[in-house]
N, C-alpha and C. Protein backbone atom coordinates (compact mmCIF):
# COMPACT_ATOMS: atom_id res chain seq x y z
N UNK A 1 -18.22 4.17 -4.14
CA UNK A 1 -17.37 5.31 -3.87
C UNK A 1 -18.15 6.59 -4.12
N UNK A 2 -18.07 7.52 -3.21
CA UNK A 2 -18.76 8.79 -3.37
C UNK A 2 -18.10 9.61 -4.46
N UNK A 3 -18.90 10.25 -5.27
CA UNK A 3 -18.37 11.01 -6.41
C UNK A 3 -17.51 12.18 -5.97
N UNK A 4 -17.62 12.63 -4.73
CA UNK A 4 -16.82 13.76 -4.25
C UNK A 4 -15.41 13.39 -3.84
N UNK A 5 -15.09 12.11 -3.74
CA UNK A 5 -13.75 11.68 -3.34
C UNK A 5 -12.79 11.81 -4.50
N UNK A 6 -11.66 12.46 -4.27
CA UNK A 6 -10.62 12.58 -5.28
C UNK A 6 -9.74 11.35 -5.22
N UNK A 7 -9.47 10.75 -6.37
CA UNK A 7 -8.65 9.55 -6.44
C UNK A 7 -7.35 9.88 -7.15
N UNK A 8 -6.22 9.53 -6.55
CA UNK A 8 -4.91 9.71 -7.16
C UNK A 8 -4.47 8.38 -7.74
N UNK A 9 -4.08 8.41 -9.00
CA UNK A 9 -3.64 7.18 -9.67
C UNK A 9 -2.18 7.33 -10.07
N UNK A 10 -1.28 6.65 -9.36
CA UNK A 10 0.11 6.65 -9.80
C UNK A 10 0.26 5.66 -10.96
N UNK A 11 1.08 5.99 -11.91
CA UNK A 11 1.30 5.08 -13.03
C UNK A 11 0.14 5.04 -14.00
N UNK A 12 -0.45 6.18 -14.30
CA UNK A 12 -1.64 6.22 -15.14
C UNK A 12 -1.36 5.93 -16.61
N UNK A 13 -0.11 5.85 -17.00
CA UNK A 13 0.15 5.50 -18.39
C UNK A 13 0.31 4.00 -18.57
N UNK A 14 0.30 3.24 -17.47
CA UNK A 14 0.37 1.79 -17.53
C UNK A 14 -0.99 1.19 -17.21
N UNK A 15 -1.02 0.23 -16.31
CA UNK A 15 -2.26 -0.43 -15.91
C UNK A 15 -3.24 0.57 -15.30
N UNK A 16 -2.71 1.58 -14.61
CA UNK A 16 -3.56 2.59 -13.99
C UNK A 16 -4.43 3.34 -14.98
N UNK A 17 -4.06 3.31 -16.24
CA UNK A 17 -4.86 4.00 -17.25
C UNK A 17 -6.27 3.41 -17.34
N UNK A 18 -6.37 2.11 -17.23
CA UNK A 18 -7.68 1.46 -17.26
C UNK A 18 -8.52 1.91 -16.08
N UNK A 19 -7.89 1.98 -14.91
CA UNK A 19 -8.58 2.47 -13.71
C UNK A 19 -9.01 3.91 -13.93
N UNK A 20 -8.11 4.74 -14.45
CA UNK A 20 -8.40 6.14 -14.74
C UNK A 20 -9.63 6.27 -15.64
N UNK A 21 -9.64 5.54 -16.73
CA UNK A 21 -10.75 5.64 -17.68
C UNK A 21 -12.07 5.17 -17.07
N UNK A 22 -12.03 4.11 -16.26
CA UNK A 22 -13.25 3.62 -15.63
C UNK A 22 -13.80 4.63 -14.62
N UNK A 23 -12.92 5.22 -13.83
CA UNK A 23 -13.36 6.20 -12.85
C UNK A 23 -13.91 7.46 -13.52
N UNK A 24 -13.24 7.91 -14.56
CA UNK A 24 -13.71 9.11 -15.27
C UNK A 24 -15.07 8.85 -15.92
N UNK A 25 -15.29 7.63 -16.38
CA UNK A 25 -16.59 7.29 -16.98
C UNK A 25 -17.71 7.38 -15.94
N UNK A 26 -17.35 7.24 -14.67
CA UNK A 26 -18.31 7.35 -13.58
C UNK A 26 -18.31 8.75 -12.96
N UNK A 27 -17.62 9.68 -13.60
CA UNK A 27 -17.50 11.07 -13.14
C UNK A 27 -16.88 11.20 -11.75
N UNK A 28 -15.96 10.29 -11.43
CA UNK A 28 -15.22 10.38 -10.18
C UNK A 28 -14.02 11.30 -10.44
N UNK A 29 -13.79 12.30 -9.57
CA UNK A 29 -12.63 13.19 -9.76
C UNK A 29 -11.33 12.40 -9.63
N UNK A 30 -10.46 12.57 -10.62
CA UNK A 30 -9.22 11.78 -10.68
C UNK A 30 -8.04 12.70 -10.95
N UNK A 31 -6.94 12.41 -10.27
CA UNK A 31 -5.64 13.01 -10.59
C UNK A 31 -4.73 11.85 -10.95
N UNK A 32 -3.81 12.10 -11.87
CA UNK A 32 -2.91 11.02 -12.26
C UNK A 32 -1.47 11.49 -12.24
N UNK A 33 -0.57 10.54 -12.07
CA UNK A 33 0.87 10.80 -12.12
C UNK A 33 1.48 9.83 -13.13
N UNK A 34 2.46 10.33 -13.84
CA UNK A 34 3.23 9.48 -14.73
C UNK A 34 4.71 9.70 -14.45
N UNK A 35 5.49 8.67 -14.61
CA UNK A 35 6.92 8.77 -14.34
C UNK A 35 7.66 9.36 -15.54
N UNK A 36 7.26 8.97 -16.72
CA UNK A 36 7.96 9.37 -17.93
C UNK A 36 7.07 10.23 -18.80
N UNK A 37 7.61 11.36 -19.23
CA UNK A 37 6.88 12.22 -20.16
C UNK A 37 7.04 11.64 -21.57
N UNK A 38 6.11 10.79 -21.95
CA UNK A 38 6.16 10.19 -23.27
C UNK A 38 4.81 10.38 -23.96
N UNK A 39 4.62 9.71 -25.07
CA UNK A 39 3.39 9.86 -25.84
C UNK A 39 2.16 9.44 -25.04
N UNK A 40 2.29 8.39 -24.22
CA UNK A 40 1.14 7.96 -23.42
C UNK A 40 0.72 9.04 -22.43
N UNK A 41 1.68 9.72 -21.82
CA UNK A 41 1.37 10.81 -20.88
C UNK A 41 0.71 11.96 -21.63
N UNK A 42 1.24 12.29 -22.79
CA UNK A 42 0.67 13.37 -23.59
C UNK A 42 -0.76 13.04 -24.02
N UNK A 43 -1.00 11.78 -24.35
CA UNK A 43 -2.34 11.37 -24.75
C UNK A 43 -3.33 11.51 -23.59
N UNK A 44 -2.90 11.19 -22.39
CA UNK A 44 -3.76 11.38 -21.22
C UNK A 44 -4.14 12.85 -21.07
N UNK A 45 -3.18 13.72 -21.24
CA UNK A 45 -3.45 15.16 -21.09
C UNK A 45 -4.37 15.69 -22.18
N UNK A 46 -4.22 15.19 -23.39
CA UNK A 46 -5.02 15.68 -24.53
C UNK A 46 -6.40 15.08 -24.58
N UNK A 47 -6.46 13.79 -24.42
CA UNK A 47 -7.67 13.06 -24.76
C UNK A 47 -8.67 12.89 -23.67
N UNK A 48 -8.81 11.69 -23.23
CA UNK A 48 -9.86 11.33 -22.29
C UNK A 48 -9.66 11.95 -20.93
N UNK A 49 -8.57 12.61 -20.71
CA UNK A 49 -8.27 13.18 -19.40
C UNK A 49 -9.01 14.49 -19.19
N UNK A 50 -10.31 14.39 -18.99
CA UNK A 50 -11.09 15.59 -18.67
C UNK A 50 -10.66 15.99 -17.28
N UNK A 51 -9.57 16.71 -17.20
CA UNK A 51 -8.90 16.91 -15.93
C UNK A 51 -8.99 18.35 -15.46
N UNK A 52 -8.66 18.55 -14.22
CA UNK A 52 -8.51 19.92 -13.71
C UNK A 52 -7.16 20.44 -14.15
N UNK A 53 -6.97 21.72 -14.13
CA UNK A 53 -5.73 22.30 -14.64
C UNK A 53 -4.51 21.95 -13.81
N UNK A 54 -4.69 21.49 -12.58
CA UNK A 54 -3.54 21.16 -11.75
C UNK A 54 -3.16 19.69 -11.79
N UNK A 55 -3.89 18.87 -12.51
CA UNK A 55 -3.55 17.44 -12.57
C UNK A 55 -2.41 17.20 -13.53
N UNK A 56 -1.47 16.37 -13.09
CA UNK A 56 -0.36 15.98 -13.98
C UNK A 56 0.02 14.55 -13.74
């Protein structure tokens, strides 16, 4: 996958989180969506989610 391709991950607080972390480790641009605003979603925003300001 080319590093310039943006990947959207629905359900990033579930199984998609593993995909999110693997792609970010490869410096692939990632956006994520979560259905529920819970601790897992907050952790994505705080922690490993080296994200752009518009990703949610």
